Amino acid sequence: MTVFPIGTVAAVCHAANRALQTAIGDPQPSPEVPERWERVATEASIRAVLAGATPEDLHDAWCALKVDDGWRYGPRKDPVARTHPCLVPYDALPETERRKDALFHAIVRALAGS
């Protein structure tokens, strides 16, 4: 089995997430090539999956990062007000959001050899 470098896996995860967001009617303004902070966060999530993290664990870690950065729950994503509707427990996420976490997890496991 070919094991791809983390940077390659991160690029595939980013592209898949952008495509899924567009498919569900929530296109993201992030560039095709992610910014440095996005790459660092994605690579940390990849390492977490390789260490055994579940999709729920990934969501919990994302929530903690957002809260640490001053974000809070809000009915709409608003970067100025720093609110996000996904700052809820994993079980309260919409199915499409849980699928995003599952897709990321599956890509990492398929490409990083876990």
PDB file of N, CA and C in Angstrom:
ATOM      1  N   MET A   1       0.837  -1.174   0.000  1.00  0.00           N
ATOM      2  CA  MET A   1       0.000   0.000   0.000  1.00  0.00           C
ATOM      3  C   MET A   1       0.888   1.245   0.000  1.00  0.00           C
ATOM      4  N   THR A   2       0.556   2.194  -0.853  1.00  0.00           N
ATOM      5  CA  THR A   2       1.285   3.456  -0.893  1.00  0.00           C
ATOM      6  C   THR A   2       0.791   4.349   0.234  1.00  0.00           C
ATOM      7  N   VAL A   3       1.732   4.892   0.975  1.00  0.00           N
ATOM      8  CA  VAL A   3       1.405   5.834   2.035  1.00  0.00           C
ATOM      9  C   VAL A   3       1.851   7.207   1.556  1.00  0.00           C
ATOM     10  N   PHE A   4       0.915   8.153   1.547  1.00  0.00           N
ATOM     11  CA  PHE A   4       1.209   9.489   1.051  1.00  0.00           C
ATOM     12  C   PHE A   4       1.686  10.392   2.184  1.00  0.00           C
ATOM     13  N   PRO A   5       2.525  11.383   1.871  1.00  0.00           N
ATOM     14  CA  PRO A   5       2.976  12.328   2.893  1.00  0.00           C
ATOM     15  C   PRO A   5       1.800  13.143   3.446  1.00  0.00           C
ATOM     16  N   ILE A   6       1.943  13.609   4.675  1.00  0.00           N
ATOM     17  CA  ILE A   6       0.873  14.355   5.330  1.00  0.00           C
ATOM     18  C   ILE A   6       0.444  15.567   4.507  1.00  0.00           C
ATOM     19  N   GLY A   7       1.388  16.254   3.892  1.00  0.00           N
ATOM     20  CA  GLY A   7       1.029  17.423   3.081  1.00  0.00           C
ATOM     21  C   GLY A   7       0.111  17.067   1.920  1.00  0.00           C
ATOM     22  N   THR A   8       0.347  15.927   1.307  1.00  0.00           N
ATOM     23  CA  THR A   8      -0.509  15.462   0.212  1.00  0.00           C
ATOM     24  C   THR A   8      -1.890  15.092   0.733  1.00  0.00           C
ATOM     25  N   VAL A   9      -1.929  14.382   1.850  1.00  0.00           N
ATOM     26  CA  VAL A   9      -3.214  14.010   2.452  1.00  0.00           C
ATOM     27  C   VAL A   9      -3.988  15.264   2.831  1.00  0.00           C
ATOM     28  N   ALA A  10      -3.306  16.249   3.390  1.00  0.00           N
ATOM     29  CA  ALA A  10      -3.954  17.507   3.778  1.00  0.00           C
ATOM     30  C   ALA A  10      -4.561  18.207   2.567  1.00  0.00           C
ATOM     31  N   ALA A  11      -3.844  18.220   1.444  1.00  0.00           N
ATOM     32  CA  ALA A  11      -4.358  18.861   0.228  1.00  0.00           C
ATOM     33  C   ALA A  11      -5.615  18.150  -0.271  1.00  0.00           C
ATOM     34  N   VAL A  12      -5.622  16.815  -0.224  1.00  0.00           N
ATOM     35  CA  VAL A  12      -6.798  16.058  -0.651  1.00  0.00           C
ATOM     36  C   VAL A  12      -7.972  16.337   0.290  1.00  0.00           C
ATOM     37  N   CYS A  13      -7.709  16.362   1.587  1.00  0.00           N
ATOM     38  CA  CYS A  13      -8.775  16.655   2.563  1.00  0.00           C
ATOM     39  C   CYS A  13      -9.356  18.042   2.336  1.00  0.00           C
ATOM     40  N   HIS A  14      -8.507  19.023   2.094  1.00  0.00           N
ATOM     41  CA  HIS A  14      -8.965  20.392   1.861  1.00  0.00           C
ATOM     42  C   HIS A  14      -9.846  20.455   0.610  1.00  0.00           C
ATOM     43  N   ALA A  15      -9.392  19.825  -0.463  1.00  0.00           N
ATOM     44  CA  ALA A  15     -10.158  19.840  -1.714  1.00  0.00           C
ATOM     45  C   ALA A  15     -11.491  19.117  -1.550  1.00  0.00           C
ATOM     46  N   ALA A  16     -11.481  17.988  -0.855  1.00  0.00           N
ATOM     47  CA  ALA A  16     -12.721  17.238  -0.639  1.00  0.00           C
ATOM     48  C   ALA A  16     -13.700  18.045   0.207  1.00  0.00           C
ATOM     49  N   ASN A  17     -13.199  18.717   1.233  1.00  0.00           N
ATOM     50  CA  ASN A  17     -14.063  19.533   2.081  1.00  0.00           C
ATOM     51  C   ASN A  17     -14.683  20.679   1.285  1.00  0.00           C
ATOM     52  N   ARG A  18     -13.877  21.335   0.468  1.00  0.00           N
ATOM     53  CA  ARG A  18     -14.401  22.428  -0.375  1.00  0.00           C
ATOM     54  C   ARG A  18     -15.482  21.903  -1.309  1.00  0.00           C
ATOM     55  N   ALA A  19     -15.248  20.751  -1.927  1.00  0.00           N
ATOM     56  CA  ALA A  19     -16.226  20.173  -2.850  1.00  0.00           C
ATOM     57  C   ALA A  19     -17.511  19.796  -2.121  1.00  0.00           C
ATOM     58  N   LEU A  20     -17.394  19.194  -0.951  1.00  0.00           N
ATOM     59  CA  LEU A  20     -18.574  18.816  -0.181  1.00  0.00           C
ATOM     60  C   LEU A  20     -19.351  20.057   0.260  1.00  0.00           C
ATOM     61  N   GLN A  21     -18.646  21.088   0.711  1.00  0.00           N
ATOM     62  CA  GLN A  21     -19.311  22.328   1.122  1.00  0.00           C
ATOM     63  C   GLN A  21     -20.109  22.915  -0.053  1.00  0.00           C
ATOM     64  N   THR A  22     -19.535  22.902  -1.222  1.00  0.00           N
ATOM     65  CA  THR A  22     -20.233  23.411  -2.403  1.00  0.00           C
ATOM     66  C   THR A  22     -21.454  22.541  -2.710  1.00  0.00           C
ATOM     67  N   ALA A  23     -21.289  21.232  -2.612  1.00  0.00           N
ATOM     68  CA  ALA A  23     -22.389  20.299  -2.917  1.00  0.00           C
ATOM     69  C   ALA A  23     -23.577  20.477  -1.976  1.00  0.00           C
ATOM     70  N   ILE A  24     -23.313  20.850  -0.724  1.00  0.00           N
ATOM     71  CA  ILE A  24     -24.412  21.014   0.228  1.00  0.00           C
ATOM     72  C   ILE A  24     -24.923  22.456   0.282  1.00  0.00           C
ATOM     73  N   GLY A  25     -24.424  23.297  -0.626  1.00  0.00           N
ATOM     74  CA  GLY A  25     -24.923  24.666  -0.708  1.00  0.00           C
ATOM     75  C   GLY A  25     -24.264  25.638   0.249  1.00  0.00           C
ATOM     76  N   ASP A  26     -23.077  25.305   0.730  1.00  0.00           N
ATOM     77  CA  ASP A  26     -22.354  26.172   1.656  1.00  0.00           C
ATOM     78  C   ASP A  26     -20.923  26.351   1.166  1.00  0.00           C
ATOM     79  N   PRO A  27     -20.755  26.953  -0.025  1.00  0.00           N
ATOM     80  CA  PRO A  27     -19.396  27.104  -0.551  1.00  0.00           C
ATOM     81  C   PRO A  27     -18.544  27.957   0.383  1.00  0.00           C
ATOM     82  N   GLN A  28     -17.303  27.563   0.541  1.00  0.00           N
ATOM     83  CA  GLN A  28     -16.395  28.249   1.455  1.00  0.00           C
ATOM     84  C   GLN A  28     -15.532  29.257   0.713  1.00  0.00           C
ATOM     85  N   PRO A  29     -15.268  30.385   1.350  1.00  0.00           N
ATOM     86  CA  PRO A  29     -14.433  31.394   0.707  1.00  0.00           C
ATOM     87  C   PRO A  29     -12.949  31.069   0.748  1.00  0.00           C
ATOM     88  N   SER A  30     -12.582  29.975   1.434  1.00  0.00           N
ATOM     89  CA  SER A  30     -11.158  29.662   1.547  1.00  0.00           C
ATOM     90  C   SER A  30     -10.572  29.408   0.168  1.00  0.00           C
ATOM     91  N   PRO A  31      -9.331  29.813  -0.010  1.00  0.00           N
ATOM     92  CA  PRO A  31      -8.693  29.636  -1.317  1.00  0.00           C
ATOM     93  C   PRO A  31      -8.463  28.167  -1.641  1.00  0.00           C
ATOM     94  N   GLU A  32      -8.233  27.920  -2.920  1.00  0.00           N
ATOM     95  CA  GLU A  32      -7.969  26.547  -3.344  1.00  0.00           C
ATOM     96  C   GLU A  32      -6.749  25.995  -2.619  1.00  0.00           C
ATOM     97  N   VAL A  33      -5.749  26.832  -2.436  1.00  0.00           N
ATOM     98  CA  VAL A  33      -4.583  26.456  -1.644  1.00  0.00           C
ATOM     99  C   VAL A  33      -4.786  27.063  -0.264  1.00  0.00           C
ATOM    100  N   PRO A  34      -4.890  26.219   0.766  1.00  0.00           N
ATOM    101  CA  PRO A  34      -5.196  26.743   2.096  1.00  0.00           C
ATOM    102  C   PRO A  34      -4.097  27.637   2.656  1.00  0.00           C
ATOM    103  N   GLU A  35      -4.510  28.543   3.527  1.00  0.00           N
ATOM    104  CA  GLU A  35      -3.553  29.406   4.214  1.00  0.00           C
ATOM    105  C   GLU A  35      -2.746  28.562   5.202  1.00  0.00           C
ATOM    106  N   ARG A  36      -1.654  29.131   5.668  1.00  0.00           N
ATOM    107  CA  ARG A  36      -0.755  28.396   6.563  1.00  0.00           C
ATOM    108  C   ARG A  36      -1.493  27.870   7.792  1.00  0.00           C
ATOM    109  N   TRP A  37      -2.313  28.682   8.443  1.00  0.00           N
ATOM    110  CA  TRP A  37      -3.008  28.246   9.670  1.00  0.00           C
ATOM    111  C   TRP A  37      -3.935  27.067   9.381  1.00  0.00           C
ATOM    112  N   GLU A  38      -4.535  27.059   8.160  1.00  0.00           N
ATOM    113  CA  GLU A  38      -5.406  25.939   7.784  1.00  0.00           C
ATOM    114  C   GLU A  38      -4.586  24.657   7.599  1.00  0.00           C
ATOM    115  N   ARG A  39      -3.421  24.797   6.963  1.00  0.00           N
ATOM    116  CA  ARG A  39      -2.558  23.628   6.756  1.00  0.00           C
ATOM    117  C   ARG A  39      -2.086  23.061   8.095  1.00  0.00           C
ATOM    118  N   VAL A  40      -1.689  23.943   9.013  1.00  0.00           N
ATOM    119  CA  VAL A  40      -1.230  23.497  10.331  1.00  0.00           C
ATOM    120  C   VAL A  40      -2.352  22.757  11.061  1.00  0.00           C
ATOM    121  N   ALA A  41      -3.565  23.331  11.044  1.00  0.00           N
ATOM    122  CA  ALA A  41      -4.709  22.698  11.720  1.00  0.00           C
ATOM    123  C   ALA A  41      -5.065  21.364  11.062  1.00  0.00           C
ATOM    124  N   THR A  42      -5.047  21.322   9.745  1.00  0.00           N
ATOM    125  CA  THR A  42      -5.380  20.084   9.027  1.00  0.00           C
ATOM    126  C   THR A  42      -4.349  19.002   9.311  1.00  0.00           C
ATOM    127  N   GLU A  43      -3.078  19.366   9.288  1.00  0.00           N
ATOM    128  CA  GLU A  43      -2.036  18.379   9.561  1.00  0.00           C
ATOM    129  C   GLU A  43      -2.116  17.869  11.001  1.00  0.00           C
ATOM    130  N   ALA A  44      -2.500  18.728  11.947  1.00  0.00           N
ATOM    131  CA  ALA A  44      -2.686  18.284  13.335  1.00  0.00           C
ATOM    132  C   ALA A  44      -3.848  17.293  13.408  1.00  0.00           C
ATOM    133  N   SER A  45      -4.910  17.562  12.660  1.00  0.00           N
ATOM    134  CA  SER A  45      -6.054  16.643  12.643  1.00  0.00           C
ATOM    135  C   SER A  45      -5.678  15.313  12.000  1.00  0.00           C
ATOM    136  N   ILE A  46      -4.852  15.348  10.981  1.00  0.00           N
ATOM    137  CA  ILE A  46      -4.388  14.111  10.341  1.00  0.00           C
ATOM    138  C   ILE A  46      -3.597  13.283  11.345  1.00  0.00           C
ATOM    139  N   ARG A  47      -2.692  13.929  12.064  1.00  0.00           N
ATOM    140  CA  ARG A  47      -1.912  13.207  13.074  1.00  0.00           C
ATOM    141  C   ARG A  47      -2.822  12.626  14.152  1.00  0.00           C
ATOM    142  N   ALA A  48      -3.874  13.363  14.501  1.00  0.00           N
ATOM    143  CA  ALA A  48      -4.826  12.872  15.507  1.00  0.00           C
ATOM    144  C   ALA A  48      -5.525  11.604  15.011  1.00  0.00           C
ATOM    145  N   VAL A  49      -5.946  11.603  13.742  1.00  0.00           N
ATOM    146  CA  VAL A  49      -6.585  10.403  13.183  1.00  0.00           C
ATOM    147  C   VAL A  49      -5.606   9.235  13.209  1.00  0.00           C
ATOM    148  N   LEU A  50      -4.376   9.493  12.826  1.00  0.00           N
ATOM    149  CA  LEU A  50      -3.368   8.421  12.810  1.00  0.00           C
ATOM    150  C   LEU A  50      -3.092   7.893  14.219  1.00  0.00           C
ATOM    151  N   ALA A  51      -3.355   8.724  15.232  1.00  0.00           N
ATOM    152  CA  ALA A  51      -3.169   8.309  16.629  1.00  0.00           C
ATOM    153  C   ALA A  51      -4.438   7.677  17.205  1.00  0.00           C
ATOM    154  N   GLY A  52      -5.507   7.587  16.375  1.00  0.00           N
ATOM    155  CA  GLY A  52      -6.713   6.898  16.827  1.00  0.00           C
ATOM    156  C   GLY A  52      -7.935   7.773  17.053  1.00  0.00           C
ATOM    157  N   ALA A  53      -7.856   9.058  16.747  1.00  0.00           N
ATOM    158  CA  ALA A  53      -9.011   9.944  16.937  1.00  0.00           C
ATOM    159  C   ALA A  53     -10.174   9.538  16.040  1.00  0.00           C
ATOM    160  N   THR A  54     -11.371   9.671  16.563  1.00  0.00           N
ATOM    161  CA  THR A  54     -12.600   9.395  15.822  1.00  0.00           C
ATOM    162  C   THR A  54     -13.106  10.698  15.189  1.00  0.00           C
ATOM    163  N   PRO A  55     -14.082  10.607  14.290  1.00  0.00           N
ATOM    164  CA  PRO A  55     -14.684  11.848  13.777  1.00  0.00           C
ATOM    165  C   PRO A  55     -15.220  12.733  14.909  1.00  0.00           C
ATOM    166  N   GLU A  56     -15.796  12.132  15.930  1.00  0.00           N
ATOM    167  CA  GLU A  56     -16.291  12.917  17.073  1.00  0.00           C
ATOM    168  C   GLU A  56     -15.135  13.621  17.789  1.00  0.00           C
ATOM    169  N   ASP A  57     -14.021  12.935  17.956  1.00  0.00           N
ATOM    170  CA  ASP A  57     -12.841  13.544  18.576  1.00  0.00           C
ATOM    171  C   ASP A  57     -12.360  14.739  17.754  1.00  0.00           C
ATOM    172  N   LEU A  58     -12.383  14.589  16.432  1.00  0.00           N
ATOM    173  CA  LEU A  58     -11.960  15.689  15.557  1.00  0.00           C
ATOM    174  C   LEU A  58     -12.857  16.899  15.748  1.00  0.00           C
ATOM    175  N   HIS A  59     -14.162  16.667  15.842  1.00  0.00           N
ATOM    176  CA  HIS A  59     -15.093  17.773  16.046  1.00  0.00           C
ATOM    177  C   HIS A  59     -14.840  18.447  17.392  1.00  0.00           C
ATOM    178  N   ASP A  60     -14.641  17.645  18.431  1.00  0.00           N
ATOM    179  CA  ASP A  60     -14.382  18.208  19.757  1.00  0.00           C
ATOM    180  C   ASP A  60     -13.123  19.073  19.752  1.00  0.00           C
ATOM    181  N   ALA A  61     -12.084  18.613  19.068  1.00  0.00           N
ATOM    182  CA  ALA A  61     -10.842  19.383  18.987  1.00  0.00           C
ATOM    183  C   ALA A  61     -11.058  20.674  18.205  1.00  0.00           C
ATOM    184  N   TRP A  62     -11.828  20.614  17.121  1.00  0.00           N
ATOM    185  CA  TRP A  62     -12.142  21.810  16.331  1.00  0.00           C
ATOM    186  C   TRP A  62     -12.895  22.821  17.193  1.00  0.00           C
ATOM    187  N   CYS A  63     -13.876  22.342  17.954  1.00  0.00           N
ATOM    188  CA  CYS A  63     -14.637  23.237  18.838  1.00  0.00           C
ATOM    189  C   CYS A  63     -13.709  23.909  19.844  1.00  0.00           C
ATOM    190  N   ALA A  64     -12.811  23.145  20.434  1.00  0.00           N
ATOM    191  CA  ALA A  64     -11.892  23.707  21.426  1.00  0.00           C
ATOM    192  C   ALA A  64     -11.009  24.785  20.804  1.00  0.00           C
ATOM    193  N   LEU A  65     -10.517  24.544  19.585  1.00  0.00           N
ATOM    194  CA  LEU A  65      -9.701  25.553  18.900  1.00  0.00           C
ATOM    195  C   LEU A  65     -10.497  26.832  18.642  1.00  0.00           C
ATOM    196  N   LYS A  66     -11.738  26.664  18.178  1.00  0.00           N
ATOM    197  CA  LYS A  66     -12.577  27.829  17.888  1.00  0.00           C
ATOM    198  C   LYS A  66     -12.850  28.632  19.159  1.00  0.00           C
ATOM    199  N   VAL A  67     -13.230  27.940  20.234  1.00  0.00           N
ATOM    200  CA  VAL A  67     -13.535  28.622  21.498  1.00  0.00           C
ATOM    201  C   VAL A  67     -12.280  29.338  22.014  1.00  0.00           C
ATOM    202  N   ASP A  68     -11.140  28.669  21.938  1.00  0.00           N
ATOM    203  CA  ASP A  68      -9.889  29.298  22.365  1.00  0.00           C
ATOM    204  C   ASP A  68      -9.570  30.544  21.548  1.00  0.00           C
ATOM    205  N   ASP A  69     -10.064  30.579  20.314  1.00  0.00           N
ATOM    206  CA  ASP A  69      -9.832  31.722  19.427  1.00  0.00           C
ATOM    207  C   ASP A  69     -10.929  32.781  19.549  1.00  0.00           C
ATOM    208  N   GLY A  70     -11.826  32.622  20.524  1.00  0.00           N
ATOM    209  CA  GLY A  70     -12.835  33.643  20.788  1.00  0.00           C
ATOM    210  C   GLY A  70     -14.176  33.436  20.110  1.00  0.00           C
ATOM    211  N   TRP A  71     -14.390  32.299  19.487  1.00  0.00           N
ATOM    212  CA  TRP A  71     -15.663  32.017  18.830  1.00  0.00           C
ATOM    213  C   TRP A  71     -16.653  31.471  19.842  1.00  0.00           C
ATOM    214  N   ARG A  72     -17.951  31.597  19.519  1.00  0.00           N
ATOM    215  CA  ARG A  72     -19.015  31.048  20.344  1.00  0.00           C
ATOM    216  C   ARG A  72     -20.135  30.582  19.429  1.00  0.00           C
ATOM    217  N   TYR A  73     -21.071  29.842  20.007  1.00  0.00           N
ATOM    218  CA  TYR A  73     -22.195  29.364  19.213  1.00  0.00           C
ATOM    219  C   TYR A  73     -23.027  30.548  18.724  1.00  0.00           C
ATOM    220  N   GLY A  74     -23.522  30.440  17.500  1.00  0.00           N
ATOM    221  CA  GLY A  74     -24.467  31.391  16.923  1.00  0.00           C
ATOM    222  C   GLY A  74     -25.197  30.695  15.802  1.00  0.00           C
ATOM    223  N   PRO A  75     -26.411  31.129  15.488  1.00  0.00           N
ATOM    224  CA  PRO A  75     -27.199  30.438  14.464  1.00  0.00           C
ATOM    225  C   PRO A  75     -26.609  30.545  13.056  1.00  0.00           C
ATOM    226  N   ARG A  76     -25.702  31.506  12.837  1.00  0.00           N
ATOM    227  CA  ARG A  76     -25.060  31.679  11.527  1.00  0.00           C
ATOM    228  C   ARG A  76     -23.558  31.834  11.711  1.00  0.00           C
ATOM    229  N   LYS A  77     -22.829  31.353  10.730  1.00  0.00           N
ATOM    230  CA  LYS A  77     -21.379  31.568  10.743  1.00  0.00           C
ATOM    231  C   LYS A  77     -21.130  33.036  10.430  1.00  0.00           C
ATOM    232  N   ASP A  78     -20.444  33.701  11.331  1.00  0.00           N
ATOM    233  CA  ASP A  78     -20.161  35.126  11.177  1.00  0.00           C
ATOM    234  C   ASP A  78     -18.746  35.390  11.693  1.00  0.00           C
ATOM    235  N   PRO A  79     -17.775  35.525  10.777  1.00  0.00           N
ATOM    236  CA  PRO A  79     -16.391  35.736  11.201  1.00  0.00           C
ATOM    237  C   PRO A  79     -16.182  37.037  11.978  1.00  0.00           C
ATOM    238  N   VAL A  80     -17.000  38.033  11.717  1.00  0.00           N
ATOM    239  CA  VAL A  80     -16.851  39.299  12.438  1.00  0.00           C
ATOM    240  C   VAL A  80     -17.339  39.145  13.875  1.00  0.00           C
ATOM    241  N   ALA A  81     -18.526  38.566  14.055  1.00  0.00           N
ATOM    242  CA  ALA A  81     -19.077  38.344  15.394  1.00  0.00           C
ATOM    243  C   ALA A  81     -18.463  37.114  16.060  1.00  0.00           C
ATOM    244  N   ARG A  82     -17.733  36.316  15.275  1.00  0.00           N
ATOM    245  CA  ARG A  82     -17.116  35.078  15.750  1.00  0.00           C
ATOM    246  C   ARG A  82     -18.157  34.108  16.310  1.00  0.00           C
ATOM    247  N   THR A  83     -19.183  33.878  15.504  1.00  0.00           N
ATOM    248  CA  THR A  83     -20.203  32.891  15.860  1.00  0.00           C
ATOM    249  C   THR A  83     -20.221  31.790  14.800  1.00  0.00           C
ATOM    250  N   HIS A  84     -20.604  30.596  15.244  1.00  0.00           N
ATOM    251  CA  HIS A  84     -20.636  29.458  14.320  1.00  0.00           C
ATOM    252  C   HIS A  84     -21.712  28.473  14.798  1.00  0.00           C
ATOM    253  N   PRO A  85     -22.573  28.009  13.880  1.00  0.00           N
ATOM    254  CA  PRO A  85     -23.637  27.079  14.274  1.00  0.00           C
ATOM    255  C   PRO A  85     -23.150  25.667  14.608  1.00  0.00           C
ATOM    256  N   CYS A  86     -21.916  25.339  14.282  1.00  0.00           N
ATOM    257  CA  CYS A  86     -21.407  23.991  14.555  1.00  0.00           C
ATOM    258  C   CYS A  86     -20.692  23.882  15.902  1.00  0.00           C
ATOM    259  N   LEU A  87     -20.713  24.931  16.687  1.00  0.00           N
ATOM    260  CA  LEU A  87     -20.117  24.864  18.021  1.00  0.00           C
ATOM    261  C   LEU A  87     -21.119  24.252  18.984  1.00  0.00           C
ATOM    262  N   VAL A  88     -21.421  23.008  18.733  1.00  0.00           N
ATOM    263  CA  VAL A  88     -22.372  22.213  19.514  1.00  0.00           C
ATOM    264  C   VAL A  88     -21.764  20.829  19.698  1.00  0.00           C
ATOM    265  N   PRO A  89     -22.289  20.039  20.632  1.00  0.00           N
ATOM    266  CA  PRO A  89     -21.803  18.659  20.752  1.00  0.00           C
ATOM    267  C   PRO A  89     -21.989  17.895  19.434  1.00  0.00           C
ATOM    268  N   TYR A  90     -21.120  16.943  19.209  1.00  0.00           N
ATOM    269  CA  TYR A  90     -21.126  16.174  17.963  1.00  0.00           C
ATOM    270  C   TYR A  90     -22.508  15.612  17.633  1.00  0.00           C
ATOM    271  N   ASP A  91     -23.178  15.066  18.635  1.00  0.00           N
ATOM    272  CA  ASP A  91     -24.497  14.465  18.407  1.00  0.00           C
ATOM    273  C   ASP A  91     -25.546  15.482  17.971  1.00  0.00           C
ATOM    274  N   ALA A  92     -25.301  16.766  18.218  1.00  0.00           N
ATOM    275  CA  ALA A  92     -26.247  17.812  17.834  1.00  0.00           C
ATOM    276  C   ALA A  92     -25.941  18.400  16.454  1.00  0.00           C
ATOM    277  N   LEU A  93     -24.854  17.963  15.842  1.00  0.00           N
ATOM    278  CA  LEU A  93     -24.514  18.452  14.506  1.00  0.00           C
ATOM    279  C   LEU A  93     -25.502  17.946  13.473  1.00  0.00           C
ATOM    280  N   PRO A  94     -25.745  18.749  12.439  1.00  0.00           N
ATOM    281  CA  PRO A  94     -26.527  18.224  11.312  1.00  0.00           C
ATOM    282  C   PRO A  94     -25.770  17.052  10.664  1.00  0.00           C
ATOM    283  N   GLU A  95     -26.503  16.173  10.045  1.00  0.00           N
ATOM    284  CA  GLU A  95     -25.901  15.001   9.406  1.00  0.00           C
ATOM    285  C   GLU A  95     -24.816  15.400   8.403  1.00  0.00           C
ATOM    286  N   THR A  96     -25.035  16.471   7.644  1.00  0.00           N
ATOM    287  CA  THR A  96     -24.030  16.886   6.654  1.00  0.00           C
ATOM    288  C   THR A  96     -22.712  17.243   7.328  1.00  0.00           C
ATOM    289  N   GLU A  97     -22.757  17.834   8.489  1.00  0.00           N
ATOM    290  CA  GLU A  97     -21.527  18.186   9.204  1.00  0.00           C
ATOM    291  C   GLU A  97     -20.832  16.947   9.755  1.00  0.00           C
ATOM    292  N   ARG A  98     -21.596  15.989  10.248  1.00  0.00           N
ATOM    293  CA  ARG A  98     -20.987  14.741  10.717  1.00  0.00           C
ATOM    294  C   ARG A  98     -20.346  13.997   9.541  1.00  0.00           C
ATOM    295  N   ARG A  99     -20.968  14.090   8.385  1.00  0.00           N
ATOM    296  CA  ARG A  99     -20.397  13.444   7.192  1.00  0.00           C
ATOM    297  C   ARG A  99     -19.074  14.087   6.786  1.00  0.00           C
ATOM    298  N   LYS A 100     -18.950  15.408   6.968  1.00  0.00           N
ATOM    299  CA  LYS A 100     -17.672  16.071   6.676  1.00  0.00           C
ATOM    300  C   LYS A 100     -16.561  15.490   7.542  1.00  0.00           C
ATOM    301  N   ASP A 101     -16.842  15.322   8.829  1.00  0.00           N
ATOM    302  CA  ASP A 101     -15.840  14.746   9.727  1.00  0.00           C
ATOM    303  C   ASP A 101     -15.527  13.304   9.333  1.00  0.00           C
ATOM    304  N   ALA A 102     -16.558  12.548   8.969  1.00  0.00           N
ATOM    305  CA  ALA A 102     -16.352  11.155   8.562  1.00  0.00           C
ATOM    306  C   ALA A 102     -15.552  11.077   7.260  1.00  0.00           C
ATOM    307  N   LEU A 103     -15.814  11.994   6.329  1.00  0.00           N
ATOM    308  CA  LEU A 103     -15.073  12.017   5.064  1.00  0.00           C
ATOM    309  C   LEU A 103     -13.596  12.307   5.317  1.00  0.00           C
ATOM    310  N   PHE A 104     -13.318  13.309   6.141  1.00  0.00           N
ATOM    311  CA  PHE A 104     -11.938  13.640   6.485  1.00  0.00           C
ATOM    312  C   PHE A 104     -11.247  12.406   7.078  1.00  0.00           C
ATOM    313  N   HIS A 105     -11.905  11.772   8.027  1.00  0.00           N
ATOM    314  CA  HIS A 105     -11.373  10.594   8.696  1.00  0.00           C
ATOM    315  C   HIS A 105     -11.071   9.478   7.683  1.00  0.00           C
ATOM    316  N   ALA A 106     -12.019   9.237   6.784  1.00  0.00           N
ATOM    317  CA  ALA A 106     -11.853   8.171   5.790  1.00  0.00           C
ATOM    318  C   ALA A 106     -10.711   8.477   4.813  1.00  0.00           C
ATOM    319  N   ILE A 107     -10.594   9.725   4.414  1.00  0.00           N
ATOM    320  CA  ILE A 107      -9.499  10.103   3.492  1.00  0.00           C
ATOM    321  C   ILE A 107      -8.155   9.860   4.179  1.00  0.00           C
ATOM    322  N   VAL A 108      -8.040  10.302   5.410  1.00  0.00           N
ATOM    323  CA  VAL A 108      -6.773  10.118   6.129  1.00  0.00           C
ATOM    324  C   VAL A 108      -6.440   8.639   6.246  1.00  0.00           C
ATOM    325  N   ARG A 109      -7.392   7.847   6.649  1.00  0.00           N
ATOM    326  CA  ARG A 109      -7.135   6.412   6.820  1.00  0.00           C
ATOM    327  C   ARG A 109      -6.785   5.744   5.484  1.00  0.00           C
ATOM    328  N   ALA A 110      -7.415   6.188   4.410  1.00  0.00           N
ATOM    329  CA  ALA A 110      -7.146   5.583   3.096  1.00  0.00           C
ATOM    330  C   ALA A 110      -5.794   5.985   2.530  1.00  0.00           C
ATOM    331  N   LEU A 111      -5.396   7.240   2.740  1.00  0.00           N
ATOM    332  CA  LEU A 111      -4.171   7.733   2.098  1.00  0.00           C
ATOM    333  C   LEU A 111      -2.935   7.709   2.980  1.00  0.00           C
ATOM    334  N   ALA A 112      -3.136   7.783   4.290  1.00  0.00           N
ATOM    335  CA  ALA A 112      -1.979   7.825   5.185  1.00  0.00           C
ATOM    336  C   ALA A 112      -1.599   6.458   5.727  1.00  0.00           C
ATOM    337  N   GLY A 113      -2.340   5.442   5.310  1.00  0.00           N
ATOM    338  CA  GLY A 113      -1.949   4.084   5.635  1.00  0.00           C
ATOM    339  C   GLY A 113      -2.336   3.593   7.009  1.00  0.00           C
ATOM    340  N   SER A 114      -3.419   4.148   7.540  1.00  0.00           N
ATOM    341  CA  SER A 114      -3.805   3.700   8.892  1.00  0.00           C
ATOM    342  C   SER A 114      -4.972   2.741   8.819  1.00  0.00           C
TER     343      SER A 114
END
